[in-house]
Amino acid sequence: MPILKEFDLDIPYISTAGTKEDYEATWKEKRFQFRDQIRCIVSLYERSFDKLKTTDSWKVLIDCVDEITDEKVKDFSGVCSVQVQFNVDSFFTKDDHQKKEVTIEILRKGLDKVITEKGWDQVPFGQAFEKVIEVNMKNEWFWRKPISSPDRRFKARLYIVHEVTVVIGYLIVFNNTNQEILRTEAFRDRPNEWAYVQYLGDIQWLSSNEVALFSKGNELVRQVSFIG
């Protein structure tokens, strides 16, 4: 049975012009920015969601449209999609906090439709929303377990701060009493997992006072040294 674990929002291209040139000129960049900026909340919701076994779906895709043309919940290769009415231009006039609130609202509306249609248990969805609110919509977390230095005096971890318009990764060093002694920016990129996943390779200690983050391609991302 498929396990529901992914969620996403999109603004599909719907135009009477319907040409590649029109899409490139009027919609592509807007769609690109929208899909980036909703990921802050949507990815936080994903991590807060207790995976649910379903009969046919591993992902829910919510299409944000000016006018709903189809009320049905559709399924394609395990992706369950539904339309929600939304004015995307109003989204870009809001500040980052408001964009987070709007994203939650759209996600909730879309999921309510799907849950009703599918007859899914509402509890895990409601619990995920509660967890998002409990952390004040802050999408921040430590990536993987801490890595100890050769002399076991220090530990290093990567801390991810995912905001609406940017993702920043901080390389943090702790002493053996778990006090933070060093925090340095390791990378900064678009607020989308597809953009920053490349940096999530390995943390390696080069000496007892020098630590580095390497990308998935084993390229150096950031190297720092300190006085212990």
Protein backbone atom coordinates (compact mmCIF):
# COMPACT_ATOMS: atom_id res chain seq x y z
CA MET A 1 0.00 0.00 0.00
CA PRO A 2 1.28 3.50 -0.84
CA ILE A 3 2.27 5.76 2.04
CA LEU A 4 1.13 9.37 1.89
CA LYS A 5 4.14 11.51 2.76
CA GLU A 6 4.41 14.38 0.26
CA PHE A 7 2.40 17.55 -0.27
CA ASP A 8 2.76 20.42 -2.72
CA LEU A 9 1.05 23.53 -4.09
CA ASP A 10 1.18 24.74 -7.67
CA ILE A 11 -0.26 27.44 -9.93
CA PRO A 12 -0.85 25.59 -13.21
CA TYR A 13 -0.66 27.54 -16.44
CA ILE A 14 -4.18 28.18 -17.70
CA SER A 15 -4.45 30.66 -20.54
CA THR A 16 -6.39 31.16 -23.74
CA ALA A 17 -3.10 32.05 -25.42
CA GLY A 18 -1.71 28.66 -24.55
CA THR A 19 1.64 29.08 -26.24
CA LYS A 20 5.14 28.39 -25.02
CA GLU A 21 6.03 32.04 -25.65
CA ASP A 22 3.10 33.24 -23.54
CA TYR A 23 4.00 30.83 -20.73
CA GLU A 24 7.62 32.00 -20.75
CA ALA A 25 6.63 35.68 -20.77
CA THR A 26 3.71 35.75 -18.34
CA TRP A 27 3.75 32.70 -16.10
CA LYS A 28 7.00 30.78 -15.80
CA GLU A 29 8.81 33.09 -13.36
CA LYS A 30 5.68 33.63 -11.25
CA ARG A 31 5.15 29.89 -10.99
CA PHE A 32 8.81 29.35 -10.14
CA GLN A 33 8.69 31.89 -7.30
CA PHE A 34 5.38 30.61 -5.95
CA ARG A 35 6.56 27.00 -5.80
CA ASP A 36 9.71 28.12 -3.99
CA GLN A 37 8.01 30.36 -1.47
CA ILE A 38 5.32 27.90 -0.33
CA ARG A 39 7.90 25.20 0.44
CA CYS A 40 8.83 26.79 3.78
CA ILE A 41 5.47 25.82 5.26
CA VAL A 42 4.70 22.79 3.10
CA SER A 43 7.98 21.05 3.90
CA LEU A 44 7.47 21.83 7.59
CA TYR A 45 4.03 20.24 7.33
CA GLU A 46 5.54 17.18 5.65
CA ARG A 47 8.01 16.66 8.49
CA SER A 48 5.22 17.14 11.02
CA PHE A 49 2.94 14.62 9.32
CA ASP A 50 2.79 11.03 10.53
CA LYS A 51 2.86 9.03 7.32
CA LEU A 52 -0.50 7.51 6.37
CA LYS A 53 -1.07 4.25 4.50
CA THR A 54 -3.53 4.70 1.63
CA THR A 55 -4.91 2.56 -1.13
CA ASP A 56 -3.64 4.70 -3.99
CA SER A 57 -1.87 7.94 -3.01
CA TRP A 58 1.66 8.92 -1.97
CA LYS A 59 1.29 12.66 -2.65
CA VAL A 60 -1.33 15.42 -2.55
CA LEU A 61 -0.99 18.24 -5.08
CA ILE A 62 -3.14 21.34 -4.63
CA ASP A 63 -3.67 23.39 -7.80
CA CYS A 64 -4.28 27.06 -6.94
CA VAL A 65 -6.52 28.56 -9.63
CA ASP A 66 -8.42 31.80 -10.22
CA GLU A 67 -11.57 29.84 -10.97
CA ILE A 68 -12.33 26.23 -10.13
CA THR A 69 -13.13 24.32 -13.31
CA ASP A 70 -13.32 20.85 -11.78
CA GLU A 71 -14.49 20.05 -8.26
CA LYS A 72 -13.36 16.43 -8.49
CA VAL A 73 -10.34 14.97 -6.74
CA LYS A 74 -8.19 13.41 -9.45
CA ASP A 75 -5.58 10.68 -9.24
CA PHE A 76 -2.63 10.10 -11.51
CA SER A 77 0.12 7.57 -10.73
CA GLY A 78 -0.36 7.98 -6.99
CA VAL A 79 -0.56 11.78 -7.07
CA CYS A 80 -3.89 13.04 -5.79
CA SER A 81 -4.76 16.53 -7.07
CA VAL A 82 -7.50 19.03 -6.28
CA GLN A 83 -8.29 22.61 -7.24
CA VAL A 84 -8.56 25.45 -4.72
CA GLN A 85 -9.62 28.98 -5.68
CA PHE A 86 -6.84 31.46 -5.09
CA ASN A 87 -5.56 34.78 -6.47
CA VAL A 88 -1.85 34.24 -6.86
CA ASP A 89 -1.08 37.92 -7.51
CA SER A 90 -2.32 38.76 -4.01
CA PHE A 91 0.18 36.26 -2.60
CA PHE A 92 3.15 38.28 -3.83
CA THR A 93 1.88 41.48 -2.21
CA LYS A 94 2.14 39.97 1.28
CA ASP A 95 5.07 39.89 3.69
CA ASP A 96 6.77 36.61 4.60
CA HIS A 97 4.68 35.98 7.73
CA GLN A 98 1.46 36.53 5.80
CA LYS A 99 2.67 34.23 3.04
CA LYS A 100 3.14 31.50 5.64
CA GLU A 101 -0.40 32.01 6.91
CA VAL A 102 -1.82 31.97 3.38
CA THR A 103 0.07 28.77 2.57
CA ILE A 104 -1.40 27.06 5.63
CA GLU A 105 -4.88 28.22 4.63
CA ILE A 106 -4.55 26.87 1.09
CA LEU A 107 -3.08 23.60 2.32
CA ARG A 108 -5.93 23.17 4.80
CA LYS A 109 -8.63 23.91 2.20
CA GLY A 110 -7.17 21.50 -0.30
CA LEU A 111 -6.66 18.72 2.21
CA ASP A 112 -10.18 19.12 3.58
CA LYS A 113 -11.53 18.39 0.10
CA VAL A 114 -9.26 15.39 -0.41
CA ILE A 115 -9.83 13.91 3.06
CA THR A 116 -13.60 14.08 2.57
CA GLU A 117 -13.45 12.55 -0.90
CA LYS A 118 -11.03 9.78 0.11
CA GLY A 119 -12.52 9.06 3.51
CA TRP A 120 -9.12 9.35 5.17
CA ASP A 121 -8.65 9.65 8.91
CA GLN A 122 -8.52 13.37 9.73
CA VAL A 123 -6.44 12.97 12.90
CA PRO A 124 -2.88 12.87 11.42
CA PHE A 125 -3.65 15.88 9.22
CA GLY A 126 -4.98 17.91 12.13
CA GLN A 127 -2.04 16.91 14.32
CA ALA A 128 0.41 18.07 11.64
CA PHE A 129 -1.27 21.47 11.44
CA GLU A 130 -1.10 21.75 15.24
CA LYS A 131 2.63 21.01 15.20
CA VAL A 132 3.22 23.71 12.55
CA ILE A 133 1.40 26.26 14.72
CA GLU A 134 3.20 25.11 17.90
CA VAL A 135 6.58 26.05 16.41
CA ASN A 136 5.20 29.40 15.20
CA MET A 137 5.61 28.33 11.58
CA LYS A 138 9.41 28.26 11.97
CA ASN A 139 10.92 25.68 9.66
CA GLU A 140 14.25 25.08 11.38
CA TRP A 141 15.97 21.83 12.27
CA PHE A 142 19.26 19.99 12.77
CA TRP A 143 20.29 17.79 9.90
CA ARG A 144 21.50 14.36 11.01
CA LYS A 145 23.28 13.47 14.24
CA PRO A 146 26.29 15.38 15.63
CA ILE A 147 29.77 14.37 14.43
CA SER A 148 32.47 14.17 17.11
CA SER A 149 35.97 15.59 16.66
CA PRO A 150 38.96 13.20 16.71
CA ASP A 151 39.75 14.07 20.34
CA ARG A 152 36.05 13.83 21.31
CA ARG A 153 36.11 17.36 22.76
CA PHE A 154 33.75 18.87 20.21
CA LYS A 155 30.76 18.01 18.05
CA ALA A 156 29.60 19.55 14.79
CA ARG A 157 26.13 19.71 13.31
CA LEU A 158 24.38 21.38 10.40
CA TYR A 159 21.39 23.57 11.27
CA ILE A 160 18.90 24.41 8.52
CA VAL A 161 16.84 27.61 8.56
CA HIS A 162 14.19 27.45 5.83
CA GLU A 163 12.42 30.77 5.33
CA VAL A 164 9.98 31.93 2.66
CA THR A 165 12.59 33.44 0.33
CA VAL A 166 15.84 31.73 1.37
CA VAL A 167 17.36 28.63 2.95
CA ILE A 168 20.48 29.03 5.07
CA GLY A 169 22.62 26.22 6.43
CA TYR A 170 24.75 26.91 9.52
CA LEU A 171 27.69 24.77 10.54
CA ILE A 172 27.66 24.75 14.35
CA VAL A 173 30.31 23.47 16.77
CA PHE A 174 29.48 22.47 20.35
CA ASN A 175 31.82 21.65 23.23
CA ASN A 176 31.44 18.54 25.38
CA THR A 177 28.87 20.30 27.61
CA ASN A 178 26.73 21.03 24.54
CA GLN A 179 27.47 24.75 24.57
CA GLU A 180 27.59 26.37 21.14
CA ILE A 181 31.05 27.81 20.55
CA LEU A 182 30.93 28.49 16.82
CA ARG A 183 28.22 29.17 14.24
CA THR A 184 29.08 29.99 10.65
CA GLU A 185 27.00 30.19 7.49
CA ALA A 186 27.79 27.20 5.32
CA PHE A 187 25.44 27.85 2.41
CA ARG A 188 22.55 30.01 1.22
CA ASP A 189 20.21 29.12 -1.62
CA ARG A 190 16.66 29.11 -2.98
CA PRO A 191 13.97 28.02 -0.49
CA ASN A 192 13.36 24.68 -2.16
CA GLU A 193 14.61 21.22 -1.27
CA TRP A 194 15.66 20.57 -4.86
CA ALA A 195 18.00 23.56 -4.63
CA TYR A 196 19.72 22.97 -1.30
CA VAL A 197 19.76 19.16 -1.08
CA GLN A 198 23.04 19.22 -3.01
CA TYR A 199 24.82 20.63 0.05
CA LEU A 200 23.68 17.84 2.37
CA GLY A 201 26.61 15.49 2.02
CA ASP A 202 28.92 14.87 4.98
CA ILE A 203 30.42 16.77 7.89
CA GLN A 204 34.06 15.80 8.33
CA TRP A 205 36.65 16.78 10.92
CA LEU A 206 39.95 17.65 9.26
CA SER A 207 41.67 17.99 12.64
CA SER A 208 40.57 18.45 16.25
CA ASN A 209 40.00 22.16 15.57
CA GLU A 210 38.96 22.17 11.94
CA VAL A 211 35.69 20.93 10.48
CA ALA A 212 34.17 21.02 7.01
CA LEU A 213 30.91 20.40 5.20
CA PHE A 214 31.13 18.49 1.91
CA SER A 215 28.39 18.31 -0.71
CA LYS A 216 26.75 15.14 -2.00
CA GLY A 217 29.27 15.30 -4.81
CA ASN A 218 32.06 15.37 -2.20
CA GLU A 219 32.95 18.99 -3.00
CA LEU A 220 33.92 21.36 -0.21
CA VAL A 221 31.00 23.60 0.80
CA ARG A 222 32.44 25.30 3.90
CA GLN A 223 35.52 24.81 6.05
CA VAL A 224 36.12 26.46 9.43
CA SER A 225 38.82 26.34 12.08
CA PHE A 226 38.67 27.57 15.67
CA ILE A 227 40.67 27.77 18.87
CA GLY A 228 39.63 25.01 21.25
